[in-house]
Amino acid sequence: MKIKITAYDPKFDRELKELDPDIYLEVKHHRDVMKNDILAAVTEKSGKAVLCGIGYLLASSSYRLIEVKKLTEYYIHAIFRAFGRAEAEGSVLLLGSLIDRFKVHVKNNPSKELYLRLWCRSTDTAYLELLKETGFVHRNTMFVMKRDLQKLSGLTPRVLFSKAARFNSGLLVKKTEPSEPLLNEYIHVNEAAFNLPDSLDDLLFKLGYYNGCLYCAFLGDKLAASVTTWRITEAAYATENIFCDPVCQDQGITRALLGFVLHSLKREGKREAVLTVYEEDLPALSLYTGMGYIKTHTLLEMHYESRPT
């Protein structure tokens, strides 16, 4: 099977939607931003080009600015997948082509420290070896954690809200509509909590394409904390983007809000809640473990750097 890497053509949309509906939605939403950074792996069948893989650089026009230990770094996310018999060879070719596209960004932005990053399961040894062979290094470790929503008996409202009620008699938690004023406040509080810029575009993508919902905790008319949910499968939903305004932390607000979210998902017939957390984030790990989340597997954040280490 001869595989060729070309610029992605929208004529492949129907094939991509059948092969991977989630990647199709992401490409559809971000196409205007990614432009030349969407690649297709194609083979020929009966004289016709057939899609057998796709790769793209996400956030490649604005980059993801991260302040790490007073160092200004910019990230581009690499996503690629090859299908069927083309999986092995197609993956190698797509990854190499994405690295070439990344190097174009490095050349065009000499004043920025650019990093290409992606995630790999710690148990996927073949994929991990491929990444190392092509110049990727391990930078961070992240845990994937799941919560069985059929077993919430220990998380009663009295337990969940006991600490928050002692500090904040006017606390209100609810599912909210993502109005423009709320989204602006969301971005502001999120960045204050994580000390990192957040992507409104990515949030809107999750809310719009994956049945996403925004749950918020308010003190008066001020946003204190938030949790975003979106569909992973019909039975499993992500509980992510969990943050609390720094001035409201250590008051039980995040615990109360997350508990409210878990009960809401259960009432809607969902069976499992999923989140990711960095290994070094010990307070968050303690909170999630205390609320019944268990680690299911480990993801390695791999970086391809724009300069020698």
Protein backbone atom coordinates (compact mmCIF):
# COMPACT_ATOMS: atom_id res chain seq x y z
CA MET A 1 0.00 0.00 0.00
CA LYS A 2 1.52 3.29 -1.11
CA ILE A 3 0.63 6.19 1.18
CA LYS A 4 1.04 9.85 0.30
CA ILE A 5 0.73 12.87 2.61
CA THR A 6 -1.12 15.82 1.08
CA ALA A 7 -2.98 18.93 2.19
CA TYR A 8 -6.39 17.96 3.51
CA ASP A 9 -9.19 18.48 1.01
CA PRO A 10 -12.78 19.06 2.25
CA LYS A 11 -13.84 16.40 -0.25
CA PHE A 12 -12.61 13.90 2.36
CA ASP A 13 -15.11 15.16 4.97
CA ARG A 14 -17.63 12.39 4.39
CA GLU A 15 -14.97 9.68 4.71
CA LEU A 16 -13.48 11.30 7.82
CA LYS A 17 -16.89 11.58 9.47
CA GLU A 18 -17.36 7.83 9.03
CA LEU A 19 -13.83 6.94 10.17
CA ASP A 20 -13.67 9.21 13.24
CA PRO A 21 -16.67 11.47 13.99
CA ASP A 22 -14.87 13.29 16.83
CA ILE A 23 -11.87 14.28 14.72
CA TYR A 24 -14.25 15.28 11.95
CA LEU A 25 -16.03 17.69 14.31
CA GLU A 26 -12.75 19.18 15.52
CA VAL A 27 -11.47 19.70 11.98
CA LYS A 28 -14.80 21.20 10.94
CA HIS A 29 -14.79 23.66 13.85
CA HIS A 30 -11.13 24.72 13.63
CA ARG A 31 -10.61 24.51 9.85
CA ASP A 32 -10.42 28.28 9.32
CA VAL A 33 -7.74 28.56 12.01
CA MET A 34 -5.64 25.53 11.08
CA LYS A 35 -5.65 26.22 7.31
CA ASN A 36 -2.43 24.72 5.89
CA ASP A 37 -1.78 22.68 9.02
CA ILE A 38 -4.35 19.97 8.23
CA LEU A 39 -2.80 17.01 6.42
CA ALA A 40 -4.29 13.90 4.89
CA ALA A 41 -2.76 10.47 4.41
CA VAL A 42 -4.18 9.05 1.20
CA THR A 43 -3.83 5.92 -0.83
CA GLU A 44 -5.16 5.14 -4.28
CA LYS A 45 -7.93 2.70 -5.06
CA SER A 46 -9.24 2.22 -8.59
CA GLY A 47 -7.64 5.50 -9.60
CA LYS A 48 -9.32 7.42 -6.77
CA ALA A 49 -7.67 9.01 -3.71
CA VAL A 50 -8.92 7.35 -0.52
CA LEU A 51 -8.43 8.85 2.94
CA CYS A 52 -6.46 6.58 5.29
CA GLY A 53 -5.29 9.08 7.92
CA ILE A 54 -5.36 12.66 9.12
CA GLY A 55 -3.06 14.92 11.12
CA TYR A 56 -3.25 18.55 12.17
CA LEU A 57 -1.68 21.22 14.34
CA LEU A 58 -4.20 22.78 16.69
CA ALA A 59 -3.87 26.42 17.82
CA SER A 60 -1.24 26.94 15.17
CA SER A 61 -2.19 30.51 14.32
CA SER A 62 -2.16 32.04 17.81
CA TYR A 63 -0.24 29.37 19.76
CA ARG A 64 -0.91 28.53 23.39
CA LEU A 65 1.06 30.85 25.63
CA ILE A 66 2.21 29.29 28.89
CA GLU A 67 4.21 30.96 31.64
CA VAL A 68 6.33 28.27 33.28
CA LYS A 69 8.82 29.22 35.98
CA LYS A 70 9.14 32.71 34.48
CA LEU A 71 9.87 31.24 31.04
CA THR A 72 7.54 32.22 28.22
CA GLU A 73 6.67 29.17 26.15
CA TYR A 74 4.24 28.68 23.28
CA TYR A 75 2.58 25.38 22.50
CA ILE A 76 1.10 23.82 19.39
CA HIS A 77 -0.90 20.62 19.79
CA ALA A 78 -0.31 17.77 17.34
CA ILE A 79 -3.14 15.34 16.61
CA PHE A 80 -2.88 12.51 14.10
CA ARG A 81 -4.50 9.19 13.38
CA ALA A 82 -4.16 6.63 10.61
CA PHE A 83 -6.80 3.98 9.95
CA GLY A 84 -6.93 0.28 9.19
CA ARG A 85 -4.01 -1.32 7.37
CA ALA A 86 -2.40 2.11 6.99
CA GLU A 87 -2.14 2.67 10.75
CA ALA A 88 1.56 1.92 11.24
CA GLU A 89 3.05 3.51 8.12
CA GLY A 90 0.49 6.30 8.01
CA SER A 91 1.23 7.30 11.61
CA VAL A 92 4.95 7.58 10.92
CA LEU A 93 4.39 9.65 7.78
CA LEU A 94 1.82 11.94 9.38
CA LEU A 95 3.98 12.59 12.43
CA GLY A 96 6.99 13.42 10.27
CA SER A 97 4.94 15.79 8.14
CA LEU A 98 3.48 17.53 11.20
CA ILE A 99 6.98 18.05 12.56
CA ASP A 100 7.93 19.63 9.22
CA ARG A 101 4.91 21.95 9.47
CA PHE A 102 5.90 22.80 13.05
CA LYS A 103 9.42 23.72 11.90
CA VAL A 104 7.87 26.23 9.50
CA HIS A 105 6.22 27.94 12.47
CA VAL A 106 9.53 27.92 14.33
CA LYS A 107 11.30 29.52 11.37
CA ASN A 108 8.60 32.17 11.00
CA ASN A 109 8.64 33.03 14.72
CA PRO A 110 12.30 33.25 15.79
CA SER A 111 11.48 35.31 18.89
CA LYS A 112 9.14 32.68 20.38
CA GLU A 113 10.02 29.47 22.20
CA LEU A 114 7.71 27.07 20.38
CA TYR A 115 6.96 23.53 21.52
CA LEU A 116 5.02 20.83 19.74
CA ARG A 117 3.18 18.62 22.21
CA LEU A 118 0.95 15.59 22.33
CA TRP A 119 -0.07 12.89 24.78
CA CYS A 120 0.74 9.19 24.89
CA ARG A 121 -0.50 6.42 27.17
CA SER A 122 2.34 5.22 29.36
CA THR A 123 1.52 1.63 28.37
CA ASP A 124 1.61 2.28 24.61
CA THR A 125 5.25 1.31 24.17
CA ALA A 126 5.26 1.26 20.36
CA TYR A 127 3.83 4.77 20.13
CA LEU A 128 6.17 6.01 22.84
CA GLU A 129 9.19 4.62 21.01
CA LEU A 130 8.06 6.30 17.79
CA LEU A 131 7.84 9.65 19.57
CA LYS A 132 11.26 9.28 21.18
CA GLU A 133 12.83 8.26 17.87
CA THR A 134 11.47 11.40 16.23
CA GLY A 135 12.81 13.74 18.91
CA PHE A 136 10.04 13.99 21.51
CA VAL A 137 10.88 14.10 25.22
CA HIS A 138 8.72 13.44 28.27
CA ARG A 139 7.74 16.72 29.96
CA ASN A 140 4.76 16.08 32.27
CA THR A 141 2.62 13.24 33.58
CA MET A 142 -1.16 13.30 33.76
CA PHE A 143 -3.63 10.88 35.33
CA VAL A 144 -6.99 9.96 33.84
CA MET A 145 -9.52 9.43 36.64
CA LYS A 146 -13.07 8.08 36.58
CA ARG A 147 -16.02 8.25 38.97
CA ASP A 148 -18.79 5.63 39.02
CA LEU A 149 -21.99 7.68 39.09
CA GLN A 150 -24.06 4.72 40.27
CA LYS A 151 -22.37 4.90 43.68
CA LEU A 152 -22.87 8.43 44.99
CA SER A 153 -24.51 7.49 48.28
CA GLY A 154 -21.65 8.95 50.33
CA LEU A 155 -21.80 12.32 48.58
CA THR A 156 -24.99 13.69 50.11
CA PRO A 157 -25.79 17.43 49.87
CA ARG A 158 -25.19 17.73 53.60
CA VAL A 159 -21.69 16.28 53.24
CA LEU A 160 -20.90 18.22 50.07
CA PHE A 161 -22.05 21.62 51.28
CA SER A 162 -21.10 21.44 54.96
CA LYS A 163 -17.78 23.27 54.63
CA ALA A 164 -18.97 25.73 51.98
CA ALA A 165 -22.01 26.64 54.08
CA ARG A 166 -19.81 27.58 57.03
CA PHE A 167 -17.95 30.12 54.91
CA ASN A 168 -20.60 31.28 52.45
CA SER A 169 -24.27 31.46 53.34
CA GLY A 170 -25.09 32.96 49.95
CA LEU A 171 -23.48 30.27 47.77
CA LEU A 172 -25.50 29.33 44.68
CA VAL A 173 -24.57 26.43 42.37
CA LYS A 174 -26.38 25.76 39.11
CA LYS A 175 -26.16 24.83 35.44
CA THR A 176 -25.81 28.08 33.50
CA GLU A 177 -26.32 29.37 29.99
CA PRO A 178 -23.04 30.55 28.42
CA SER A 179 -23.92 34.21 27.88
CA GLU A 180 -21.23 36.60 26.68
CA PRO A 181 -20.85 38.38 30.06
CA LEU A 182 -20.54 35.04 31.86
CA LEU A 183 -18.00 33.72 29.36
CA ASN A 184 -15.89 36.85 29.78
CA GLU A 185 -15.96 36.41 33.55
CA TYR A 186 -15.27 32.68 33.13
CA ILE A 187 -12.09 33.37 31.15
CA HIS A 188 -10.94 35.98 33.68
CA VAL A 189 -11.45 33.74 36.74
CA ASN A 190 -10.07 30.67 34.96
CA GLU A 191 -6.84 32.47 34.10
CA ALA A 192 -6.55 33.77 37.66
CA ALA A 193 -7.01 30.26 39.06
CA PHE A 194 -4.54 28.50 36.77
CA ASN A 195 -2.22 31.44 36.10
CA LEU A 196 -2.51 30.45 32.44
CA PRO A 197 -4.45 31.87 29.50
CA ASP A 198 -7.50 29.84 28.50
CA SER A 199 -9.06 29.27 25.09
CA LEU A 200 -12.61 30.55 24.69
CA ASP A 201 -12.70 28.96 21.24
CA ASP A 202 -11.97 25.51 22.70
CA LEU A 203 -14.64 25.98 25.37
CA LEU A 204 -17.25 26.96 22.79
CA PHE A 205 -16.26 23.94 20.70
CA LYS A 206 -16.89 21.57 23.62
CA LEU A 207 -20.17 23.28 24.52
CA GLY A 208 -21.42 23.36 20.96
CA TYR A 209 -20.34 20.02 19.51
CA TYR A 210 -20.22 17.67 22.49
CA ASN A 211 -23.41 18.47 24.40
CA GLY A 212 -21.32 20.51 26.79
CA CYS A 213 -22.69 22.28 29.85
CA LEU A 214 -21.30 24.95 32.12
CA TYR A 215 -21.87 24.54 35.86
CA CYS A 216 -21.03 27.49 38.07
CA ALA A 217 -20.89 28.48 41.71
CA PHE A 218 -21.76 32.10 42.50
CA LEU A 219 -21.27 34.26 45.55
CA GLY A 220 -23.81 36.98 45.01
CA ASP A 221 -23.39 37.94 41.36
CA LYS A 222 -19.71 36.95 41.23
CA LEU A 223 -18.44 33.74 39.65
CA ALA A 224 -16.55 31.74 42.29
CA ALA A 225 -15.96 28.36 40.61
CA SER A 226 -16.85 26.38 37.51
CA VAL A 227 -16.93 22.86 36.07
CA THR A 228 -17.49 22.08 32.39
CA THR A 229 -18.99 18.79 31.22
CA TRP A 230 -19.14 17.29 27.74
CA ARG A 231 -19.97 13.98 26.11
CA ILE A 232 -17.28 11.32 25.76
CA THR A 233 -19.74 8.49 25.12
CA GLU A 234 -23.47 8.28 25.70
CA ALA A 235 -22.81 6.98 29.22
CA ALA A 236 -19.58 8.80 30.11
CA TYR A 237 -19.10 12.55 30.45
CA ALA A 238 -16.01 14.64 31.04
CA THR A 239 -15.90 16.78 34.19
CA GLU A 240 -13.11 19.16 33.27
CA ASN A 241 -11.96 22.78 33.44
CA ILE A 242 -12.46 22.62 37.20
CA PHE A 243 -11.34 25.85 38.84
CA CYS A 244 -12.06 28.20 41.73
CA ASP A 245 -11.29 31.89 42.09
CA PRO A 246 -8.11 32.13 44.22
CA VAL A 247 -9.85 34.44 46.71
CA CYS A 248 -12.52 31.75 47.27
CA GLN A 249 -10.28 28.70 47.58
CA ASP A 250 -10.12 26.44 50.66
CA GLN A 251 -13.77 27.14 51.45
CA GLY A 252 -15.30 23.92 50.11
CA ILE A 253 -16.81 25.61 47.05
CA THR A 254 -15.19 23.40 44.41
CA ARG A 255 -16.18 20.27 46.32
CA ALA A 256 -19.78 21.43 46.60
CA LEU A 257 -19.98 22.36 42.92
CA LEU A 258 -18.36 19.16 41.65
CA GLY A 259 -20.67 17.09 43.83
CA PHE A 260 -23.65 18.96 42.39
CA VAL A 261 -22.37 18.19 38.88
CA LEU A 262 -21.95 14.48 39.63
CA HIS A 263 -25.50 14.20 40.97
CA SER A 264 -26.82 16.14 37.96
CA LEU A 265 -25.10 13.77 35.53
CA LYS A 266 -26.50 10.77 37.39
CA ARG A 267 -30.03 12.19 37.20
CA GLU A 268 -29.55 12.56 33.44
CA GLY A 269 -28.74 8.85 33.16
CA LYS A 270 -24.96 9.09 32.83
CA ARG A 271 -22.95 6.29 34.38
CA GLU A 272 -19.41 7.63 34.56
CA ALA A 273 -17.56 10.93 35.03
CA VAL A 274 -14.02 11.35 33.70
CA LEU A 275 -11.32 13.94 34.33
CA THR A 276 -7.59 14.48 33.86
CA VAL A 277 -5.20 15.94 36.39
CA TYR A 278 -1.47 16.57 36.42
CA GLU A 279 0.54 14.30 38.72
CA GLU A 280 2.07 17.29 40.50
CA ASP A 281 -1.28 18.91 41.34
CA LEU A 282 -1.56 17.32 44.78
CA PRO A 283 -4.47 19.45 46.10
CA ALA A 284 -6.61 18.55 43.08
CA LEU A 285 -5.62 14.88 43.32
CA SER A 286 -6.62 14.85 46.97
CA LEU A 287 -9.99 16.46 46.20
CA TYR A 288 -10.83 14.08 43.35
CA THR A 289 -9.72 10.98 45.23
CA GLY A 290 -11.77 12.08 48.23
CA MET A 291 -14.81 12.39 45.99
CA GLY A 292 -14.46 8.84 44.70
CA TYR A 293 -12.52 9.28 41.47
CA ILE A 294 -10.01 6.50 40.80
CA LYS A 295 -6.99 6.50 38.49
CA THR A 296 -7.49 4.39 35.38
CA HIS A 297 -4.39 5.13 33.33
CA THR A 298 -1.50 7.53 32.89
CA LEU A 299 -0.80 9.92 30.03
CA LEU A 300 2.66 11.22 29.23
CA GLU A 301 2.87 14.75 27.86
CA MET A 302 5.54 14.64 25.16
CA HIS A 303 7.28 17.71 23.74
CA TYR A 304 9.17 18.33 20.54
CA GLU A 305 11.20 21.44 21.23
CA SER A 306 12.13 24.23 18.85
CA ARG A 307 15.62 24.47 20.31
CA PRO A 308 18.11 22.00 21.78
CA THR A 309 17.66 21.23 25.49
